[in-house]
Amino acid sequence: MNRFPAEWEKQSAVLIAWPHATGDFSNRLESVEQSYSIIADTITQYQRLIIVCRDEQHQKHIETLVSHREDIDFIHAPVNDIWVRDTAFLSLEKDGVISHLNFKFNGWGEKYNHADDNALNHKLANAKPFKGKSHHDIDFILEGGSIESDGLGTILTTRQCLLNPNRNNGLSQQDIEQQLAKHLAAKRVLWIDQANLSGDDTDAHIDTLARFCSANTIAYTSCDDTQDSHYDSLKIMEMQLQVLRTQRDEPYNLVALPLPKAIFDEEGEQLPANYANFLIVNHAVLVPVYGDDNDAVALERLGKVFPTHHIIAIPCRPLVHQYGSLHCMTMQFPEGY
């Protein structure tokens, strides 16, 4: 039987793509690389790390910034963006064997250049440690950050993203559900109606809004400040989550994660900082923090949800300047790949 594993299941590795001086982070590369170094050193304490970089010279530079080189595999490949959550393979498990699914990527609805990103998985497939593993090309546009899995056949997503005509134009909600059932073994799809956070250019990826922490627990972005522009829509999302039911027809245990205070770029545009963009690895949960009073609140609440995991704060303020955070720039691969 096919199954789309949950993120909290045993993992073999995490993939990231290291930023470069010619990329979008060129104006703040040093601070972004500091965050990347912390992320790399943290992940390699728990499992292997795969780093996509441009070439041998770029690899040598990265090796000076990380502590556990023996736990890292490097793959040389060009990328348009470093957000591998949306461009790297998704993993399907069948009878303990993992196969990799290469969905099409179109730059979050043709917003950005994406030829290298769309070609990334073919580069991965021909490189260690993926070489010789099963992979399938799928003629359907889908980003990893747009879906959440409970590992039991439930997928959580937003209508604003998956039903957006800039992705798979002409497909109805029923058509999309059939695609998710066919390729990801979805038994049911839970749909949320929710506008994107300010500064988010993904058309409301679910991994900025609501995340499965277990088969019956969802952590979600919340707002209690009535003056905040997100207040009304996030309250409506909260009510939608309260109505959802587990596969046992019970309400979900809901864990509210507050928004940090608004962060703005140099042009005065608000950036999509949030705490829902955490990453679960083996025995640890990496949580994005922004130098905000609510950092401690998010860390404490997630600590109660993951009592057997180490809860690790990862400074991500530099990352949100390119409209993503910790989960967006990582992709985990389950045990057995």
C-alpha atoms as a PDB file:
ATOM      1  CA  MET A   1       0.000   0.000   0.000  1.00  0.00           C
ATOM      2  CA  ASN A   2       1.302   3.459  -0.901  1.00  0.00           C
ATOM      3  CA  ARG A   3       1.704   6.136   1.763  1.00  0.00           C
ATOM      4  CA  PHE A   4       2.909   9.742   1.934  1.00  0.00           C
ATOM      5  CA  PRO A   5       4.973   9.757   5.166  1.00  0.00           C
ATOM      6  CA  ALA A   6       4.531  12.369   7.857  1.00  0.00           C
ATOM      7  CA  GLU A   7       7.446  14.639   8.705  1.00  0.00           C
ATOM      8  CA  TRP A   8       7.813  13.312  12.259  1.00  0.00           C
ATOM      9  CA  GLU A   9       8.581   9.794  11.043  1.00  0.00           C
ATOM     10  CA  LYS A  10      12.147   8.455  11.044  1.00  0.00           C
ATOM     11  CA  GLN A  11      14.300  10.303   8.517  1.00  0.00           C
ATOM     12  CA  SER A  12      17.510   9.494   6.680  1.00  0.00           C
ATOM     13  CA  ALA A  13      18.540  12.981   5.516  1.00  0.00           C
ATOM     14  CA  VAL A  14      17.587  16.613   4.962  1.00  0.00           C
ATOM     15  CA  LEU A  15      18.331  18.540   1.763  1.00  0.00           C
ATOM     16  CA  ILE A  16      19.167  22.260   1.516  1.00  0.00           C
ATOM     17  CA  ALA A  17      20.484  24.462  -1.302  1.00  0.00           C
ATOM     18  CA  TRP A  18      23.220  26.855  -0.196  1.00  0.00           C
ATOM     19  CA  PRO A  19      22.824  30.505  -1.261  1.00  0.00           C
ATOM     20  CA  HIS A  20      25.380  32.106  -3.565  1.00  0.00           C
ATOM     21  CA  ALA A  21      26.726  35.602  -4.151  1.00  0.00           C
ATOM     22  CA  THR A  22      24.896  35.834  -7.489  1.00  0.00           C
ATOM     23  CA  GLY A  23      21.535  34.781  -6.017  1.00  0.00           C
ATOM     24  CA  ASP A  24      18.658  36.643  -4.401  1.00  0.00           C
ATOM     25  CA  PHE A  25      20.432  36.912  -1.044  1.00  0.00           C
ATOM     26  CA  SER A  26      23.491  38.685  -2.522  1.00  0.00           C
ATOM     27  CA  ASN A  27      22.786  41.893  -0.581  1.00  0.00           C
ATOM     28  CA  ARG A  28      22.782  40.089   2.792  1.00  0.00           C
ATOM     29  CA  LEU A  29      24.716  36.923   2.053  1.00  0.00           C
ATOM     30  CA  GLU A  30      26.856  37.013   5.200  1.00  0.00           C
ATOM     31  CA  SER A  31      23.914  37.064   7.615  1.00  0.00           C
ATOM     32  CA  VAL A  32      22.023  34.442   5.579  1.00  0.00           C
ATOM     33  CA  GLU A  33      25.075  32.159   5.567  1.00  0.00           C
ATOM     34  CA  GLN A  34      25.299  32.520   9.346  1.00  0.00           C
ATOM     35  CA  SER A  35      21.755  31.163   9.593  1.00  0.00           C
ATOM     36  CA  TYR A  36      22.570  28.403   7.097  1.00  0.00           C
ATOM     37  CA  SER A  37      25.648  27.401   9.083  1.00  0.00           C
ATOM     38  CA  ILE A  38      23.592  27.085  12.267  1.00  0.00           C
ATOM     39  CA  ILE A  39      20.958  25.048  10.414  1.00  0.00           C
ATOM     40  CA  ALA A  40      23.600  22.764   8.864  1.00  0.00           C
ATOM     41  CA  ASP A  41      25.403  22.212  12.177  1.00  0.00           C
ATOM     42  CA  THR A  42      22.116  21.509  13.953  1.00  0.00           C
ATOM     43  CA  ILE A  43      20.784  19.012  11.409  1.00  0.00           C
ATOM     44  CA  THR A  44      24.079  17.096  11.260  1.00  0.00           C
ATOM     45  CA  GLN A  45      23.859  16.485  15.009  1.00  0.00           C
ATOM     46  CA  TYR A  46      20.828  14.297  14.272  1.00  0.00           C
ATOM     47  CA  GLN A  47      21.148  12.929  10.727  1.00  0.00           C
ATOM     48  CA  ARG A  48      22.798  13.340   7.337  1.00  0.00           C
ATOM     49  CA  LEU A  49      22.591  16.579   5.399  1.00  0.00           C
ATOM     50  CA  ILE A  50      22.626  16.957   1.613  1.00  0.00           C
ATOM     51  CA  ILE A  51      23.782  20.354   0.334  1.00  0.00           C
ATOM     52  CA  VAL A  52      23.119  21.491  -3.217  1.00  0.00           C
ATOM     53  CA  CYS A  53      25.794  23.967  -4.305  1.00  0.00           C
ATOM     54  CA  ARG A  54      26.999  25.444  -7.576  1.00  0.00           C
ATOM     55  CA  ASP A  55      30.427  23.895  -8.088  1.00  0.00           C
ATOM     56  CA  GLU A  56      33.641  22.736  -6.427  1.00  0.00           C
ATOM     57  CA  GLN A  57      34.648  26.272  -5.458  1.00  0.00           C
ATOM     58  CA  HIS A  58      31.281  26.916  -3.820  1.00  0.00           C
ATOM     59  CA  GLN A  59      31.550  23.588  -1.975  1.00  0.00           C
ATOM     60  CA  LYS A  60      34.988  24.463  -0.602  1.00  0.00           C
ATOM     61  CA  HIS A  61      33.620  27.787   0.651  1.00  0.00           C
ATOM     62  CA  ILE A  62      30.703  26.034   2.374  1.00  0.00           C
ATOM     63  CA  GLU A  63      33.042  23.514   3.991  1.00  0.00           C
ATOM     64  CA  THR A  64      34.728  26.384   5.848  1.00  0.00           C
ATOM     65  CA  LEU A  65      31.346  27.351   7.361  1.00  0.00           C
ATOM     66  CA  VAL A  66      30.124  23.974   8.668  1.00  0.00           C
ATOM     67  CA  SER A  67      31.341  21.800  11.534  1.00  0.00           C
ATOM     68  CA  HIS A  68      30.375  18.225  10.580  1.00  0.00           C
ATOM     69  CA  ARG A  69      31.601  17.764   7.009  1.00  0.00           C
ATOM     70  CA  GLU A  70      31.727  13.993   7.418  1.00  0.00           C
ATOM     71  CA  ASP A  71      27.910  13.978   7.764  1.00  0.00           C
ATOM     72  CA  ILE A  72      27.295  16.008   4.591  1.00  0.00           C
ATOM     73  CA  ASP A  73      26.829  14.968   0.967  1.00  0.00           C
ATOM     74  CA  PHE A  74      27.391  17.699  -1.630  1.00  0.00           C
ATOM     75  CA  ILE A  75      25.600  17.784  -4.984  1.00  0.00           C
ATOM     76  CA  HIS A  76      26.574  20.310  -7.642  1.00  0.00           C
ATOM     77  CA  ALA A  77      23.538  21.729  -9.456  1.00  0.00           C
ATOM     78  CA  PRO A  78      22.267  25.178 -10.469  1.00  0.00           C
ATOM     79  CA  VAL A  79      19.118  26.520  -8.810  1.00  0.00           C
ATOM     80  CA  ASN A  80      17.044  29.641  -9.381  1.00  0.00           C
ATOM     81  CA  ASP A  81      15.932  29.760  -5.739  1.00  0.00           C
ATOM     82  CA  ILE A  82      17.031  28.039  -2.547  1.00  0.00           C
ATOM     83  CA  TRP A  83      13.503  27.034  -1.489  1.00  0.00           C
ATOM     84  CA  VAL A  84      13.908  23.273  -1.996  1.00  0.00           C
ATOM     85  CA  ARG A  85      10.744  22.501  -0.020  1.00  0.00           C
ATOM     86  CA  ASP A  86       8.917  23.366  -3.222  1.00  0.00           C
ATOM     87  CA  THR A  87      11.339  22.006  -5.825  1.00  0.00           C
ATOM     88  CA  ALA A  88      12.895  18.819  -4.420  1.00  0.00           C
ATOM     89  CA  PHE A  89      11.471  15.291  -4.622  1.00  0.00           C
ATOM     90  CA  LEU A  90       8.469  14.322  -2.532  1.00  0.00           C
ATOM     91  CA  SER A  91       8.710  10.830  -1.050  1.00  0.00           C
ATOM     92  CA  LEU A  92       6.211   8.003  -1.346  1.00  0.00           C
ATOM     93  CA  GLU A  93       6.534   4.847   0.754  1.00  0.00           C
ATOM     94  CA  LYS A  94       5.328   1.423  -0.353  1.00  0.00           C
ATOM     95  CA  ASP A  95       5.994  -1.623   1.824  1.00  0.00           C
ATOM     96  CA  GLY A  96       9.006   0.070   3.410  1.00  0.00           C
ATOM     97  CA  VAL A  97      10.520   1.129   0.080  1.00  0.00           C
ATOM     98  CA  ILE A  98      10.788   4.821  -0.795  1.00  0.00           C
ATOM     99  CA  SER A  99      10.280   6.179  -4.309  1.00  0.00           C
ATOM    100  CA  HIS A 100      10.803   9.820  -5.271  1.00  0.00           C
ATOM    101  CA  LEU A 101       8.147  11.890  -6.999  1.00  0.00           C
ATOM    102  CA  ASN A 102       9.221  14.691  -9.330  1.00  0.00           C
ATOM    103  CA  PHE A 103       6.263  17.031  -9.646  1.00  0.00           C
ATOM    104  CA  LYS A 104       6.442  19.957 -12.056  1.00  0.00           C
ATOM    105  CA  PHE A 105       7.431  23.356 -10.675  1.00  0.00           C
ATOM    106  CA  ASN A 106       6.452  26.620 -12.370  1.00  0.00           C
ATOM    107  CA  GLY A 107       7.931  29.312 -10.117  1.00  0.00           C
ATOM    108  CA  TRP A 108       4.921  29.586  -7.777  1.00  0.00           C
ATOM    109  CA  GLY A 109       2.564  30.328 -10.620  1.00  0.00           C
ATOM    110  CA  GLU A 110       4.973  31.757 -13.199  1.00  0.00           C
ATOM    111  CA  LYS A 111       6.109  34.520 -10.815  1.00  0.00           C
ATOM    112  CA  TYR A 112       9.844  33.799 -11.161  1.00  0.00           C
ATOM    113  CA  ASN A 113      12.393  32.156 -13.437  1.00  0.00           C
ATOM    114  CA  HIS A 114      12.297  28.442 -12.667  1.00  0.00           C
ATOM    115  CA  ALA A 115      13.990  26.369 -15.391  1.00  0.00           C
ATOM    116  CA  ASP A 116      16.854  25.255 -13.114  1.00  0.00           C
ATOM    117  CA  ASP A 117      14.493  24.588 -10.215  1.00  0.00           C
ATOM    118  CA  ASN A 118      12.197  22.493 -12.373  1.00  0.00           C
ATOM    119  CA  ALA A 119      15.245  20.507 -13.558  1.00  0.00           C
ATOM    120  CA  LEU A 120      16.725  20.046 -10.057  1.00  0.00           C
ATOM    121  CA  ASN A 121      15.345  16.572  -9.396  1.00  0.00           C
ATOM    122  CA  HIS A 122      16.897  15.132 -12.546  1.00  0.00           C
ATOM    123  CA  LYS A 123      20.242  16.457 -11.291  1.00  0.00           C
ATOM    124  CA  LEU A 124      19.597  14.878  -7.889  1.00  0.00           C
ATOM    125  CA  ALA A 125      18.566  11.559  -9.435  1.00  0.00           C
ATOM    126  CA  ASN A 126      21.971  11.230 -11.125  1.00  0.00           C
ATOM    127  CA  ALA A 127      23.993  12.085  -8.019  1.00  0.00           C
ATOM    128  CA  LYS A 128      24.853  10.270  -4.823  1.00  0.00           C
ATOM    129  CA  PRO A 129      22.968   9.455  -2.626  1.00  0.00           C
ATOM    130  CA  PHE A 130      19.949   9.320  -5.008  1.00  0.00           C
ATOM    131  CA  LYS A 131      21.573   7.493  -7.917  1.00  0.00           C
ATOM    132  CA  GLY A 132      19.926   4.160  -8.666  1.00  0.00           C
ATOM    133  CA  LYS A 133      16.827   4.948  -6.591  1.00  0.00           C
ATOM    134  CA  SER A 134      13.348   4.861  -8.060  1.00  0.00           C
ATOM    135  CA  HIS A 135      11.898   8.164  -9.195  1.00  0.00           C
ATOM    136  CA  HIS A 136       8.844   9.160 -11.210  1.00  0.00           C
ATOM    137  CA  ASP A 137       8.165  12.296 -13.261  1.00  0.00           C
ATOM    138  CA  ILE A 138       4.603  13.535 -12.739  1.00  0.00           C
ATOM    139  CA  ASP A 139       2.803  15.884 -15.106  1.00  0.00           C
ATOM    140  CA  PHE A 140       1.182  17.925 -12.349  1.00  0.00           C
ATOM    141  CA  ILE A 141       2.344  21.157 -10.692  1.00  0.00           C
ATOM    142  CA  LEU A 142       2.760  20.772  -6.927  1.00  0.00           C
ATOM    143  CA  GLU A 143       5.008  22.335  -4.288  1.00  0.00           C
ATOM    144  CA  GLY A 144       5.972  20.551  -1.087  1.00  0.00           C
ATOM    145  CA  GLY A 145       5.152  23.572   1.049  1.00  0.00           C
ATOM    146  CA  SER A 146       1.565  23.555  -0.181  1.00  0.00           C
ATOM    147  CA  ILE A 147       0.609  20.225   1.422  1.00  0.00           C
ATOM    148  CA  GLU A 148       0.789  18.647   4.870  1.00  0.00           C
ATOM    149  CA  SER A 149       0.523  14.891   5.499  1.00  0.00           C
ATOM    150  CA  ASP A 150      -0.493  13.017   8.645  1.00  0.00           C
ATOM    151  CA  GLY A 151       1.138   9.841   7.285  1.00  0.00           C
ATOM    152  CA  LEU A 152      -2.239   8.066   7.328  1.00  0.00           C
ATOM    153  CA  GLY A 153      -3.738   9.350   4.094  1.00  0.00           C
ATOM    154  CA  THR A 154      -4.890  12.830   5.130  1.00  0.00           C
ATOM    155  CA  ILE A 155      -3.571  15.867   3.275  1.00  0.00           C
ATOM    156  CA  LEU A 156      -4.123  19.408   4.566  1.00  0.00           C
ATOM    157  CA  THR A 157      -3.886  22.279   2.079  1.00  0.00           C
ATOM    158  CA  THR A 158      -5.350  25.640   1.017  1.00  0.00           C
ATOM    159  CA  ARG A 159      -7.724  26.357  -1.827  1.00  0.00           C
ATOM    160  CA  GLN A 160      -5.854  29.611  -2.484  1.00  0.00           C
ATOM    161  CA  CYS A 161      -2.793  27.652  -3.619  1.00  0.00           C
ATOM    162  CA  LEU A 162      -3.880  24.335  -5.088  1.00  0.00           C
ATOM    163  CA  LEU A 163      -6.955  25.698  -6.852  1.00  0.00           C
ATOM    164  CA  ASN A 164      -5.144  28.771  -8.158  1.00  0.00           C
ATOM    165  CA  PRO A 165      -5.416  28.891 -11.975  1.00  0.00           C
ATOM    166  CA  ASN A 166      -1.715  29.839 -12.126  1.00  0.00           C
ATOM    167  CA  ARG A 167      -0.791  26.242 -11.164  1.00  0.00           C
ATOM    168  CA  ASN A 168      -2.995  23.624 -12.865  1.00  0.00           C
ATOM    169  CA  ASN A 169      -5.438  25.770 -14.807  1.00  0.00           C
ATOM    170  CA  GLY A 170      -8.721  24.098 -15.638  1.00  0.00           C
ATOM    171  CA  LEU A 171      -8.626  21.463 -12.904  1.00  0.00           C
ATOM    172  CA  SER A 172     -11.485  21.485 -10.407  1.00  0.00           C
ATOM    173  CA  GLN A 173     -11.205  20.726  -6.690  1.00  0.00           C
ATOM    174  CA  GLN A 174     -12.354  17.175  -7.443  1.00  0.00           C
ATOM    175  CA  ASP A 175      -9.704  16.882 -10.176  1.00  0.00           C
ATOM    176  CA  ILE A 176      -7.000  18.036  -7.743  1.00  0.00           C
ATOM    177  CA  GLU A 177      -8.171  15.560  -5.111  1.00  0.00           C
ATOM    178  CA  GLN A 178      -7.966  12.771  -7.691  1.00  0.00           C
ATOM    179  CA  GLN A 179      -4.373  13.771  -8.487  1.00  0.00           C
ATOM    180  CA  LEU A 180      -3.452  13.750  -4.783  1.00  0.00           C
ATOM    181  CA  ALA A 181      -5.098  10.359  -4.366  1.00  0.00           C
ATOM    182  CA  LYS A 182      -3.355   8.936  -7.421  1.00  0.00           C
ATOM    183  CA  HIS A 183       0.150  10.184  -6.717  1.00  0.00           C
ATOM    184  CA  LEU A 184       0.285  10.659  -2.921  1.00  0.00           C
ATOM    185  CA  ALA A 185      -2.225   8.010  -1.813  1.00  0.00           C
ATOM    186  CA  ALA A 186      -4.481  10.661  -0.256  1.00  0.00           C
ATOM    187  CA  LYS A 187      -7.614   9.123   1.229  1.00  0.00           C
ATOM    188  CA  ARG A 188      -9.037  12.532   2.041  1.00  0.00           C
ATOM    189  CA  VAL A 189      -8.094  16.181   1.577  1.00  0.00           C
ATOM    190  CA  LEU A 190      -8.832  18.831   4.208  1.00  0.00           C
ATOM    191  CA  TRP A 191      -9.220  22.229   2.532  1.00  0.00           C
ATOM    192  CA  ILE A 192      -8.599  25.545   4.292  1.00  0.00           C
ATOM    193  CA  ASP A 193      -9.683  28.917   2.869  1.00  0.00           C
ATOM    194  CA  GLN A 194      -7.020  31.389   3.933  1.00  0.00           C
ATOM    195  CA  ALA A 195      -5.319  34.351   2.316  1.00  0.00           C
ATOM    196  CA  ASN A 196      -1.522  34.385   2.312  1.00  0.00           C
ATOM    197  CA  LEU A 197       0.409  36.139   5.059  1.00  0.00           C
ATOM    198  CA  SER A 198       1.671  39.597   4.121  1.00  0.00           C
ATOM    199  CA  GLY A 199       4.770  39.222   1.957  1.00  0.00           C
ATOM    200  CA  ASP A 200       4.122  35.557   1.147  1.00  0.00           C
ATOM    201  CA  ASP A 201       4.321  35.009  -2.622  1.00  0.00           C
ATOM    202  CA  THR A 202       3.327  31.317  -2.608  1.00  0.00           C
ATOM    203  CA  ASP A 203      -0.449  31.927  -2.696  1.00  0.00           C
ATOM    204  CA  ALA A 204      -0.873  30.746   0.905  1.00  0.00           C
ATOM    205  CA  HIS A 205       1.297  27.679   1.398  1.00  0.00           C
ATOM    206  CA  ILE A 206      -0.049  25.581   4.241  1.00  0.00           C
ATOM    207  CA  ASP A 207       3.409  25.325   5.869  1.00  0.00           C
ATOM    208  CA  THR A 208       3.155  28.990   6.894  1.00  0.00           C
ATOM    209  CA  LEU A 209      -0.327  28.504   8.329  1.00  0.00           C
ATOM    210  CA  ALA A 210      -1.132  25.065   9.785  1.00  0.00           C
ATOM    211  CA  ARG A 211       1.080  22.028  10.391  1.00  0.00           C
ATOM    212  CA  PHE A 212       0.438  18.458  11.438  1.00  0.00           C
ATOM    213  CA  CYS A 213       2.471  17.661  14.570  1.00  0.00           C
ATOM    214  CA  SER A 214       0.875  14.236  14.957  1.00  0.00           C
ATOM    215  CA  ALA A 215      -2.128  12.470  13.490  1.00  0.00           C
ATOM    216  CA  ASN A 216      -4.382  14.381  15.897  1.00  0.00           C
ATOM    217  CA  THR A 217      -2.502  17.650  16.551  1.00  0.00           C
ATOM    218  CA  ILE A 218      -2.259  20.752  14.361  1.00  0.00           C
ATOM    219  CA  ALA A 219      -0.117  23.789  15.209  1.00  0.00           C
ATOM    220  CA  TYR A 220      -1.324  26.920  13.459  1.00  0.00           C
ATOM    221  CA  THR A 221      -0.522  30.587  12.958  1.00  0.00           C
ATOM    222  CA  SER A 222      -2.772  32.739  15.131  1.00  0.00           C
ATOM    223  CA  CYS A 223      -3.255  36.408  15.904  1.00  0.00           C
ATOM    224  CA  ASP A 224      -4.777  38.042  18.980  1.00  0.00           C
ATOM    225  CA  ASP A 225      -3.972  41.648  18.044  1.00  0.00           C
ATOM    226  CA  THR A 226      -7.197  43.165  16.737  1.00  0.00           C
ATOM    227  CA  GLN A 227      -5.167  45.943  15.079  1.00  0.00           C
ATOM    228  CA  ASP A 228      -3.159  43.450  13.011  1.00  0.00           C
ATOM    229  CA  SER A 229      -4.202  43.162   9.356  1.00  0.00           C
ATOM    230  CA  HIS A 230      -4.108  39.366   9.712  1.00  0.00           C
ATOM    231  CA  TYR A 231      -6.491  39.259  12.675  1.00  0.00           C
ATOM    232  CA  ASP A 232      -9.799  38.634  10.897  1.00  0.00           C
ATOM    233  CA  SER A 233      -8.589  36.075   8.364  1.00  0.00           C
ATOM    234  CA  LEU A 234      -6.579  34.082  10.913  1.00  0.00           C
ATOM    235  CA  LYS A 235      -9.585  33.979  13.260  1.00  0.00           C
ATOM    236  CA  ILE A 236     -11.657  32.578  10.382  1.00  0.00           C
ATOM    237  CA  MET A 237      -8.923  30.003   9.709  1.00  0.00           C
ATOM    238  CA  GLU A 238      -8.939  29.079  13.396  1.00  0.00           C
ATOM    239  CA  MET A 239     -12.683  28.417  13.197  1.00  0.00           C
ATOM    240  CA  GLN A 240     -12.178  26.243  10.108  1.00  0.00           C
ATOM    241  CA  LEU A 241      -9.541  24.201  11.940  1.00  0.00           C
ATOM    242  CA  GLN A 242     -11.887  23.771  14.907  1.00  0.00           C
ATOM    243  CA  VAL A 243     -14.459  22.158  12.591  1.00  0.00           C
ATOM    244  CA  LEU A 244     -12.006  19.657  11.064  1.00  0.00           C
ATOM    245  CA  ARG A 245     -12.066  16.075  12.326  1.00  0.00           C
ATOM    246  CA  THR A 246      -9.409  13.382  12.550  1.00  0.00           C
ATOM    247  CA  GLN A 247      -9.871  10.068  10.783  1.00  0.00           C
ATOM    248  CA  ARG A 248     -11.414   8.852  14.045  1.00  0.00           C
ATOM    249  CA  ASP A 249     -13.981  11.675  13.741  1.00  0.00           C
ATOM    250  CA  GLU A 250     -12.568  13.562  16.719  1.00  0.00           C
ATOM    251  CA  PRO A 251     -11.626  17.259  16.849  1.00  0.00           C
ATOM    252  CA  TYR A 252      -7.954  18.031  16.401  1.00  0.00           C
ATOM    253  CA  ASN A 253      -5.819  19.178  19.294  1.00  0.00           C
ATOM    254  CA  LEU A 254      -5.055  22.727  18.124  1.00  0.00           C
ATOM    255  CA  VAL A 255      -1.931  24.617  19.214  1.00  0.00           C
ATOM    256  CA  ALA A 256      -1.864  28.352  18.508  1.00  0.00           C
ATOM    257  CA  LEU A 257       1.446  29.890  17.465  1.00  0.00           C
ATOM    258  CA  PRO A 258       1.436  33.701  17.725  1.00  0.00           C
ATOM    259  CA  LEU A 259       2.761  35.917  14.978  1.00  0.00           C
ATOM    260  CA  PRO A 260       6.011  37.779  15.674  1.00  0.00           C
ATOM    261  CA  LYS A 261       5.853  41.547  15.433  1.00  0.00           C
ATOM    262  CA  ALA A 262       5.804  42.698  11.829  1.00  0.00           C
ATOM    263  CA  ILE A 263       9.170  42.690  10.047  1.00  0.00           C
ATOM    264  CA  PHE A 264       9.627  44.980   7.032  1.00  0.00           C
ATOM    265  CA  ASP A 265      12.132  45.088   4.201  1.00  0.00           C
ATOM    266  CA  GLU A 266      14.042  48.139   2.984  1.00  0.00           C
ATOM    267  CA  GLU A 267      11.113  49.162   0.790  1.00  0.00           C
ATOM    268  CA  GLY A 268       8.681  49.053   3.708  1.00  0.00           C
ATOM    269  CA  GLU A 269       6.986  45.815   2.586  1.00  0.00           C
ATOM    270  CA  GLN A 270       5.969  43.406   5.345  1.00  0.00           C
ATOM    271  CA  LEU A 271       7.729  40.029   5.321  1.00  0.00           C
ATOM    272  CA  PRO A 272       5.998  36.690   6.072  1.00  0.00           C
ATOM    273  CA  ALA A 273       7.683  35.815   9.377  1.00  0.00           C
ATOM    274  CA  ASN A 274       5.853  33.066  11.257  1.00  0.00           C
ATOM    275  CA  TYR A 275       6.536  30.142  13.618  1.00  0.00           C
ATOM    276  CA  ALA A 276       4.531  27.489  11.754  1.00  0.00           C
ATOM    277  CA  ASN A 277       7.479  27.114   9.363  1.00  0.00           C
ATOM    278  CA  PHE A 278       9.321  24.770  11.768  1.00  0.00           C
ATOM    279  CA  LEU A 279      11.203  21.640  10.660  1.00  0.00           C
ATOM    280  CA  ILE A 280      10.909  18.238  12.355  1.00  0.00           C
ATOM    281  CA  VAL A 281      14.033  16.031  12.202  1.00  0.00           C
ATOM    282  CA  ASN A 282      15.044  12.915  14.146  1.00  0.00           C
ATOM    283  CA  HIS A 283      14.667  13.713  17.869  1.00  0.00           C
ATOM    284  CA  ALA A 284      14.528  17.485  17.326  1.00  0.00           C
ATOM    285  CA  VAL A 285      12.284  20.290  16.117  1.00  0.00           C
ATOM    286  CA  LEU A 286      14.015  23.323  14.606  1.00  0.00           C
ATOM    287  CA  VAL A 287      11.914  26.442  15.165  1.00  0.00           C
ATOM    288  CA  PRO A 288      12.431  29.725  13.296  1.00  0.00           C
ATOM    289  CA  VAL A 289      12.919  32.700  15.607  1.00  0.00           C
ATOM    290  CA  TYR A 290      13.169  36.386  14.799  1.00  0.00           C
ATOM    291  CA  GLY A 291      14.473  38.186  17.893  1.00  0.00           C
ATOM    292  CA  ASP A 292      10.904  38.738  19.061  1.00  0.00           C
ATOM    293  CA  ASP A 293       9.174  38.368  22.437  1.00  0.00           C
ATOM    294  CA  ASN A 294       6.890  35.725  20.935  1.00  0.00           C
ATOM    295  CA  ASP A 295       9.881  33.506  20.092  1.00  0.00           C
ATOM    296  CA  ALA A 296       9.750  32.137  23.633  1.00  0.00           C
ATOM    297  CA  VAL A 297       5.984  31.559  23.437  1.00  0.00           C
ATOM    298  CA  ALA A 298       6.297  29.550  20.219  1.00  0.00           C
ATOM    299  CA  LEU A 299       9.205  27.502  21.593  1.00  0.00           C
ATOM    300  CA  GLU A 300       7.311  26.684  24.787  1.00  0.00           C
ATOM    301  CA  ARG A 301       4.109  25.649  22.987  1.00  0.00           C
ATOM    302  CA  LEU A 302       5.919  23.461  20.483  1.00  0.00           C
ATOM    303  CA  GLY A 303       7.911  21.953  23.347  1.00  0.00           C
ATOM    304  CA  LYS A 304       4.656  20.697  24.880  1.00  0.00           C
ATOM    305  CA  VAL A 305       3.605  19.211  21.529  1.00  0.00           C
ATOM    306  CA  PHE A 306       6.953  17.436  21.043  1.00  0.00           C
ATOM    307  CA  PRO A 307       7.919  16.397  24.598  1.00  0.00           C
ATOM    308  CA  THR A 308      10.494  13.802  23.462  1.00  0.00           C
ATOM    309  CA  HIS A 309      12.220  16.130  20.961  1.00  0.00           C
ATOM    310  CA  HIS A 310      14.847  18.790  21.506  1.00  0.00           C
ATOM    311  CA  ILE A 311      13.306  22.175  20.648  1.00  0.00           C
ATOM    312  CA  ILE A 312      15.980  24.285  18.967  1.00  0.00           C
ATOM    313  CA  ALA A 313      15.669  27.987  18.118  1.00  0.00           C
ATOM    314  CA  ILE A 314      17.070  28.868  14.697  1.00  0.00           C
ATOM    315  CA  PRO A 315      17.603  32.567  13.835  1.00  0.00           C
ATOM    316  CA  CYS A 316      15.697  33.128  10.583  1.00  0.00           C
ATOM    317  CA  ARG A 317      15.222  36.870  10.382  1.00  0.00           C
ATOM    318  CA  PRO A 318      17.618  37.137   7.374  1.00  0.00           C
ATOM    319  CA  LEU A 319      15.737  34.381   5.492  1.00  0.00           C
ATOM    320  CA  VAL A 320      12.357  36.111   5.477  1.00  0.00           C
ATOM    321  CA  HIS A 321      13.818  38.884   3.329  1.00  0.00           C
ATOM    322  CA  GLN A 322      13.326  36.477   0.435  1.00  0.00           C
ATOM    323  CA  TYR A 323       9.803  35.584   1.636  1.00  0.00           C
ATOM    324  CA  GLY A 324      10.501  32.172   3.157  1.00  0.00           C
ATOM    325  CA  SER A 325      11.768  30.641   6.372  1.00  0.00           C
ATOM    326  CA  LEU A 326      13.162  27.434   7.844  1.00  0.00           C
ATOM    327  CA  HIS A 327      10.738  24.815   6.495  1.00  0.00           C
ATOM    328  CA  CYS A 328      10.736  26.434   3.045  1.00  0.00           C
ATOM    329  CA  MET A 329      14.502  25.987   2.603  1.00  0.00           C
ATOM    330  CA  THR A 330      14.644  22.332   3.679  1.00  0.00           C
ATOM    331  CA  MET A 331      13.299  18.976   2.445  1.00  0.00           C
ATOM    332  CA  GLN A 332      13.460  15.817   4.549  1.00  0.00           C
ATOM    333  CA  PHE A 333      13.709  12.292   3.174  1.00  0.00           C
ATOM    334  CA  PRO A 334      12.282   9.373   5.148  1.00  0.00           C
ATOM    335  CA  GLU A 335      14.182   6.347   6.307  1.00  0.00           C
ATOM    336  CA  GLY A 336      14.644   3.835   3.543  1.00  0.00           C
ATOM    337  CA  TYR A 337      15.421   6.210   0.691  1.00  0.00           C
END
